[in-house]
Amino acid sequence: MSFAVPYTDLADASKRLMSELSAAFQRVAGSGRYVLGPELAAFEAEFAAYCGVRYAAGTSSGTAALLLTLRSLGLPTGAEVITASNSFVATAAAIALSGATPVFADVGDDGNIDPAAIEAAITARTAAIVPVHRTGRPAKMPEILEIAGRRGLY
């Protein structure tokens, strides 16, 4: 007997949010404001409040968000930034476009970057870690934040 086990079931997760997502789509489509409209302003305000900060800025893509974040850090050219070896190419592209060098660390059984592999990848040029949360599973952020704090990394 054989059967397929889905890699991830985002459709099932979306079912729980479908009425909320449909309502948001209707508001945006009905307004005709697809860029910089009231929905974005409301999201930015709600997200800033959720994060406990004064401001949040929506971007056109995750790549743009990563690039803006990395550039805001003022990393020196040639700095190394550790990320997951199985992330989409945009993660490494944003690191490279910021002037830094991507360094890939292996992942654990959950498909997320392995904190032990991060530790092994750190060099004198390492400036930051960009964890990637895969398939709805968050990376091991307490361990990653501990490493970053102890090593003085973003």
Foldseek 3Di string as FASTA:
>chain_A
DDDDDDPACVVVVVVVCVVVVVVVVCVCVVVVCPPPDPVQVVVFCVVCVVVVHDTDHDDPDPLVVLLVVLLVVVQDQAAEEEEAPPDPVSNQVSCVVSRYHYDHFYPDPVSWGDLVSVVVRDDPRHAAYDTDAPRPHRDPVVSNVVVCVVVVHD
